[in-house]
Amino acid sequence: MARQTVLHASPLKAPQQQIDKSWICGCAMLCLQGTKVNSKGKEVPHGVRLYSIASSRYGDNYDGKTTTLCVRRATYSDPETGKEDPAKKGICSNFLCDATPGTEITMTGPTGKILLMPEDPNSVLICVATGTGIAPFRSFWRRCFFESVPNWKFSGLFWVFMGVANSDAKLYDDEMQQIAATYPDLFRLDYALSREQKNKNGGKMYIQDKVEEYADEVFDLLNNGAHMYFCGLKGMMPGILDMLERVSKEKGINFEEFVEGLKHKNQWHVEVRGLGAGHVRGAGQLLHLIITQVRKA
């Protein structure tokens, strides 16, 4: 564990000052001081929280001493009354969202081996994200498009499917639009805006609906070795899996065998997380935090 301090905390949609030229992937583990009372009435230490890293190994400041997190404030609404209960708000996310430059935290990492990029620079990466699940893919695209690595230059396809409620909720859109303009043959971006777009049946456009629009191409790419990544809240996966299974059936493919084959060849990567009953992510309460190491704990 090491003591860290917040260097910068800003609304995520604020323009970024620099685009880094390196990459890391994994989760940072944050440890809060103090205790809480669990459901059995027993006082216990706060558990470790995992946050996907949204920066390169060298960080947004290029010095190798920082990391970046994408954090949305978690609040709790009573399922029966619909009213927010501040006593049950997300402890760590609210701590981070309330942080100011100079705030110290305890963290370590990275950890996790699920969302790793393939070594082949000609690989096809299909990245499906909802909300702050875009964080690890930010580390990917910074590696692919802004890092100068001897004997390694990305020449494949980086395809992002991003699901959010509306245009105002787009995350890191400035960076992705810059990449799309600079590398139009290597980068694709498709949004599923559930409150603004309609799917083919006239319903809300969710992430699975947008992927389904390109189902033939996605399946062809997977059959030719593409890697498919999923990151966000775990509630995204049932709809995606149902859609993929339905498309598989239409194509005469055994879906379970198809996915098992992808897993066996390390082409299928899923890292999703859940929230407690009644917890929601507060609209507009989202920060881009740059954190630096100050000393070992």
Protein backbone atom coordinates (compact mmCIF):
# COMPACT_ATOMS: atom_id res chain seq x y z
CA MET A 1 0.00 0.00 0.00
CA ALA A 2 1.12 3.56 -0.60
CA ARG A 3 -0.16 6.96 0.42
CA GLN A 4 -1.31 8.98 -2.56
CA THR A 5 -2.50 12.52 -3.01
CA VAL A 6 -5.02 13.95 -5.45
CA LEU A 7 -3.32 16.32 -7.89
CA HIS A 8 -6.34 17.23 -9.95
CA ALA A 9 -10.09 16.64 -9.81
CA SER A 10 -12.29 17.98 -12.57
CA PRO A 11 -15.57 17.25 -14.31
CA LEU A 12 -14.84 14.55 -16.84
CA LYS A 13 -16.15 16.54 -19.78
CA ALA A 14 -13.62 19.32 -19.20
CA PRO A 15 -11.00 19.40 -21.99
CA GLN A 16 -7.91 17.34 -21.25
CA GLN A 17 -4.65 19.30 -21.25
CA GLN A 18 -2.54 16.48 -22.69
CA ILE A 19 -2.95 13.14 -24.40
CA ASP A 20 -0.55 10.61 -22.90
CA LYS A 21 1.59 8.27 -24.96
CA SER A 22 1.58 5.08 -22.97
CA TRP A 23 -0.63 2.39 -21.56
CA ILE A 24 -1.56 0.35 -18.55
CA CYS A 25 -4.56 -1.77 -17.81
CA GLY A 26 -6.05 -3.10 -14.62
CA CYS A 27 -7.71 -1.86 -11.46
CA ALA A 28 -6.49 0.36 -8.66
CA MET A 29 -7.37 -0.82 -5.14
CA LEU A 30 -8.41 1.97 -2.77
CA CYS A 31 -8.49 1.48 0.98
CA LEU A 32 -10.52 3.80 3.19
CA GLN A 33 -9.56 4.40 6.78
CA GLY A 34 -12.08 3.69 9.52
CA THR A 35 -14.92 1.23 10.03
CA LYS A 36 -18.56 0.64 9.21
CA VAL A 37 -21.41 -1.33 10.74
CA ASN A 38 -22.37 -4.30 8.56
CA SER A 39 -25.80 -5.86 8.05
CA LYS A 40 -25.31 -8.00 11.16
CA GLY A 41 -24.68 -4.96 13.34
CA LYS A 42 -20.96 -5.68 13.67
CA GLU A 43 -18.35 -2.95 13.29
CA VAL A 44 -15.86 -3.94 10.59
CA PRO A 45 -13.13 -2.18 8.58
CA HIS A 46 -14.07 -0.71 5.22
CA GLY A 47 -13.49 -3.14 2.37
CA VAL A 48 -11.14 -2.55 -0.55
CA ARG A 49 -12.68 -0.78 -3.55
CA LEU A 50 -11.63 -1.47 -7.14
CA TYR A 51 -11.60 1.23 -9.79
CA SER A 52 -10.59 0.70 -13.41
CA ILE A 53 -7.49 2.65 -14.34
CA ALA A 54 -8.12 5.18 -17.10
CA SER A 55 -4.54 6.19 -17.87
CA SER A 56 -1.25 4.82 -19.10
CA ARG A 57 1.53 3.43 -16.96
CA TYR A 58 3.16 6.87 -17.17
CA GLY A 59 -0.02 8.71 -16.24
CA ASP A 60 -1.48 11.91 -17.59
CA ASN A 61 1.59 13.89 -16.50
CA TYR A 62 4.12 11.67 -18.31
CA ASP A 63 6.26 11.17 -15.19
CA GLY A 64 5.26 7.61 -14.24
CA LYS A 65 4.13 8.78 -10.81
CA THR A 66 0.43 9.29 -11.40
CA THR A 67 -2.63 7.29 -12.30
CA THR A 68 -6.08 8.41 -13.42
CA LEU A 69 -9.50 7.21 -12.28
CA CYS A 70 -12.94 7.85 -13.75
CA VAL A 71 -15.37 8.01 -10.81
CA ARG A 72 -19.11 8.58 -10.65
CA ARG A 73 -20.79 9.36 -7.35
CA ALA A 74 -23.00 6.52 -6.06
CA THR A 75 -26.13 7.52 -4.15
CA TYR A 76 -28.91 5.44 -2.60
CA SER A 77 -32.63 5.83 -3.22
CA ASP A 78 -35.19 3.95 -1.16
CA PRO A 79 -37.00 1.54 -3.53
CA GLU A 80 -40.35 2.21 -1.83
CA THR A 81 -40.27 5.99 -1.38
CA GLY A 82 -37.89 6.91 -4.18
CA LYS A 83 -36.19 9.38 -1.85
CA GLU A 84 -32.43 9.61 -1.54
CA ASP A 85 -30.91 8.47 1.76
CA PRO A 86 -27.54 10.21 2.27
CA ALA A 87 -26.74 7.84 5.15
CA LYS A 88 -26.45 4.99 2.65
CA LYS A 89 -24.50 6.73 -0.11
CA GLY A 90 -21.46 5.10 -1.69
CA ILE A 91 -18.66 5.68 0.80
CA CYS A 92 -15.64 5.53 -1.49
CA SER A 93 -17.13 7.15 -4.59
CA ASN A 94 -18.42 10.08 -2.54
CA PHE A 95 -15.07 10.42 -0.79
CA LEU A 96 -13.31 10.60 -4.16
CA CYS A 97 -15.87 12.92 -5.74
CA ASP A 98 -15.52 15.27 -2.77
CA ALA A 99 -11.71 15.14 -2.94
CA THR A 100 -9.75 18.29 -3.67
CA PRO A 101 -6.09 18.73 -4.68
CA GLY A 102 -3.96 17.65 -1.72
CA THR A 103 -6.42 15.05 -0.36
CA GLU A 104 -4.51 11.91 0.66
CA ILE A 105 -5.78 8.40 0.01
CA THR A 106 -4.38 4.88 0.42
CA MET A 107 -4.20 2.75 -2.70
CA THR A 108 -2.24 0.05 -4.49
CA GLY A 109 -2.32 -1.79 -7.81
CA PRO A 110 -2.75 -2.39 -10.60
CA THR A 111 -4.46 -5.73 -10.32
CA GLY A 112 -6.47 -7.84 -12.75
CA LYS A 113 -5.71 -9.77 -15.92
CA ILE A 114 -9.06 -9.83 -17.70
CA LEU A 115 -8.91 -6.66 -19.77
CA LEU A 116 -5.50 -7.07 -21.34
CA MET A 117 -4.60 -6.03 -24.86
CA PRO A 118 -3.24 -8.65 -27.26
CA GLU A 119 0.42 -8.28 -28.21
CA ASP A 120 -0.25 -8.40 -31.96
CA PRO A 121 -0.45 -4.78 -33.22
CA ASN A 122 -2.68 -5.92 -36.09
CA SER A 123 -5.41 -7.18 -33.73
CA VAL A 124 -9.05 -6.13 -33.92
CA LEU A 125 -10.39 -4.79 -30.60
CA ILE A 126 -14.17 -4.52 -30.16
CA CYS A 127 -14.74 -2.62 -26.91
CA VAL A 128 -18.28 -2.49 -25.49
CA ALA A 129 -18.76 -0.10 -22.57
CA THR A 130 -21.49 1.53 -20.54
CA GLY A 131 -20.85 4.56 -18.35
CA THR A 132 -17.56 4.57 -16.49
CA GLY A 133 -16.82 1.17 -18.02
CA ILE A 134 -15.07 3.21 -20.72
CA ALA A 135 -12.12 3.76 -18.34
CA PRO A 136 -9.95 0.74 -19.25
CA PHE A 137 -10.54 1.30 -22.94
CA ARG A 138 -9.12 4.79 -22.57
CA SER A 139 -5.86 3.16 -21.51
CA PHE A 140 -6.09 0.95 -24.61
CA TRP A 141 -6.58 3.72 -27.14
CA ARG A 142 -3.83 5.86 -25.66
CA ARG A 143 -1.47 2.92 -26.15
CA CYS A 144 -2.64 2.28 -29.69
CA PHE A 145 -2.67 5.81 -31.04
CA PHE A 146 -0.32 8.00 -29.02
CA GLU A 147 2.57 5.91 -27.76
CA SER A 148 5.87 5.59 -29.64
CA VAL A 149 7.04 2.04 -29.00
CA PRO A 150 10.07 0.56 -30.79
CA ASN A 151 8.96 -2.18 -33.20
CA TRP A 152 5.27 -1.78 -32.28
CA LYS A 153 2.70 0.31 -34.11
CA PHE A 154 -1.02 -0.36 -34.01
CA SER A 155 -2.32 -1.33 -37.44
CA GLY A 156 -5.52 -3.21 -36.60
CA LEU A 157 -9.03 -1.96 -35.85
CA PHE A 158 -10.17 -0.34 -32.60
CA TRP A 159 -13.99 -0.28 -32.45
CA VAL A 160 -15.78 1.32 -29.49
CA PHE A 161 -19.46 0.79 -28.70
CA MET A 162 -20.41 3.22 -25.94
CA GLY A 163 -23.75 3.18 -24.14
CA VAL A 164 -24.98 6.24 -22.21
CA ALA A 165 -28.33 7.90 -21.61
CA ASN A 166 -27.86 10.99 -23.76
CA SER A 167 -25.29 13.13 -25.54
CA ASP A 168 -24.49 15.09 -22.38
CA ALA A 169 -23.36 11.86 -20.71
CA LYS A 170 -20.66 10.97 -23.24
CA LEU A 171 -17.33 10.26 -21.54
CA TYR A 172 -13.94 11.10 -23.06
CA ASP A 173 -15.71 11.99 -26.28
CA ASP A 174 -13.15 14.72 -27.03
CA GLU A 175 -10.33 12.19 -27.09
CA MET A 176 -12.25 9.66 -29.17
CA GLN A 177 -13.32 12.25 -31.72
CA GLN A 178 -9.70 13.34 -32.06
CA ILE A 179 -8.61 9.75 -32.70
CA ALA A 180 -11.44 9.17 -35.19
CA ALA A 181 -10.43 12.27 -37.15
CA THR A 182 -6.74 11.34 -37.16
CA TYR A 183 -7.03 7.58 -37.73
CA PRO A 184 -10.32 7.03 -39.61
CA ASP A 185 -9.20 3.66 -40.99
CA LEU A 186 -8.16 2.30 -37.59
CA PHE A 187 -10.79 3.65 -35.19
CA ARG A 188 -14.58 3.42 -35.15
CA LEU A 189 -17.01 4.83 -32.60
CA ASP A 190 -20.71 4.04 -32.22
CA TYR A 191 -22.92 5.44 -29.47
CA ALA A 192 -26.10 3.95 -28.04
CA LEU A 193 -28.02 6.91 -26.57
CA SER A 194 -30.97 5.35 -24.77
CA ARG A 195 -32.93 8.58 -24.25
CA GLU A 196 -32.29 10.03 -27.70
CA GLN A 197 -32.18 7.16 -30.17
CA LYS A 198 -34.63 4.42 -31.11
CA ASN A 199 -33.79 0.82 -31.95
CA LYS A 200 -35.17 -1.00 -34.98
CA ASN A 201 -38.34 -1.87 -33.05
CA GLY A 202 -39.00 1.71 -31.95
CA GLY A 203 -37.83 1.18 -28.38
CA LYS A 204 -34.94 2.81 -26.53
CA MET A 205 -31.51 2.30 -28.05
CA TYR A 206 -29.50 0.25 -25.57
CA ILE A 207 -25.96 -0.97 -26.06
CA GLN A 208 -27.06 -4.41 -27.31
CA ASP A 209 -29.26 -2.78 -29.95
CA LYS A 210 -26.37 -0.78 -31.34
CA VAL A 211 -24.08 -3.83 -31.48
CA GLU A 212 -26.88 -5.78 -33.21
CA GLU A 213 -26.94 -3.20 -36.02
CA TYR A 214 -23.47 -4.46 -36.94
CA ALA A 215 -24.00 -8.11 -35.96
CA ASP A 216 -22.85 -9.57 -39.27
CA GLU A 217 -19.62 -7.60 -39.20
CA VAL A 218 -18.99 -8.31 -35.51
CA PHE A 219 -19.44 -12.07 -35.99
CA ASP A 220 -17.19 -12.06 -39.06
CA LEU A 221 -14.49 -10.23 -37.11
CA LEU A 222 -14.77 -12.64 -34.17
CA ASN A 223 -14.51 -15.59 -36.53
CA ASN A 224 -11.30 -14.06 -37.83
CA GLY A 225 -9.66 -13.59 -34.45
CA ALA A 226 -11.04 -10.30 -33.10
CA HIS A 227 -11.03 -9.67 -29.35
CA MET A 228 -14.29 -8.53 -27.76
CA TYR A 229 -14.27 -6.67 -24.44
CA PHE A 230 -17.14 -5.72 -22.13
CA CYS A 231 -16.91 -3.33 -19.19
CA GLY A 232 -19.55 -1.51 -17.14
CA LEU A 233 -22.37 -2.44 -14.79
CA LYS A 234 -23.24 -6.13 -14.81
CA GLY A 235 -26.80 -5.27 -15.84
CA MET A 236 -25.50 -4.67 -19.37
CA MET A 237 -24.62 -8.31 -19.97
CA PRO A 238 -28.02 -10.12 -19.99
CA GLY A 239 -29.29 -7.96 -22.85
CA ILE A 240 -26.07 -8.34 -24.79
CA LEU A 241 -25.94 -12.09 -24.33
CA ASP A 242 -29.61 -12.50 -25.28
CA MET A 243 -29.01 -10.50 -28.44
CA LEU A 244 -25.89 -12.45 -29.39
CA GLU A 245 -27.65 -15.74 -28.74
CA ARG A 246 -30.59 -14.70 -30.91
CA VAL A 247 -28.28 -13.64 -33.75
CA SER A 248 -26.31 -16.88 -33.37
CA LYS A 249 -29.49 -18.91 -33.75
CA GLU A 250 -30.39 -16.97 -36.90
CA LYS A 251 -26.96 -17.84 -38.28
CA GLY A 252 -27.24 -21.50 -37.32
CA ILE A 253 -24.51 -21.17 -34.68
CA ASN A 254 -24.53 -22.89 -31.30
CA PHE A 255 -24.06 -19.84 -29.08
CA GLU A 256 -22.67 -21.61 -26.01
CA GLU A 257 -20.09 -23.45 -28.09
CA PHE A 258 -19.25 -20.25 -29.97
CA VAL A 259 -18.55 -18.28 -26.77
CA GLU A 260 -16.62 -21.16 -25.21
CA GLY A 261 -14.46 -21.22 -28.31
CA LEU A 262 -13.79 -17.50 -28.00
CA LYS A 263 -12.88 -17.91 -24.34
CA HIS A 264 -10.56 -20.81 -25.16
CA LYS A 265 -8.77 -18.62 -27.71
CA ASN A 266 -8.68 -15.69 -25.27
CA GLN A 267 -10.89 -13.52 -27.48
CA TRP A 268 -13.70 -12.94 -24.95
CA HIS A 269 -13.09 -10.54 -22.05
CA VAL A 270 -15.77 -9.52 -19.52
CA GLU A 271 -15.26 -7.29 -16.49
CA VAL A 272 -18.51 -5.96 -15.05
CA ARG A 273 -19.53 -4.82 -11.62
CA GLY A 274 -22.72 -4.41 -9.63
CA LEU A 275 -24.35 -1.93 -7.27
CA GLY A 276 -26.31 -2.68 -4.14
CA ALA A 277 -30.11 -2.66 -4.31
CA GLY A 278 -31.37 0.89 -4.65
CA HIS A 279 -27.98 2.38 -5.50
CA VAL A 280 -27.80 4.61 -8.53
CA ARG A 281 -25.11 6.70 -10.14
CA GLY A 282 -25.86 10.36 -9.61
CA ALA A 283 -26.26 12.31 -12.85
CA GLY A 284 -23.59 14.93 -13.37
CA GLN A 285 -21.50 13.72 -10.45
CA LEU A 286 -18.58 12.36 -12.40
CA LEU A 287 -14.90 13.24 -12.03
CA HIS A 288 -11.59 12.69 -13.79
CA LEU A 289 -9.03 12.34 -10.98
CA ILE A 290 -5.26 12.41 -11.38
CA ILE A 291 -3.56 10.86 -8.34
CA THR A 292 0.14 10.79 -7.49
CA GLN A 293 2.21 8.68 -5.07
CA VAL A 294 3.67 10.62 -2.16
CA ARG A 295 5.03 7.91 0.14
CA LYS A 296 4.79 4.26 1.14
CA ALA A 297 2.31 3.55 3.90
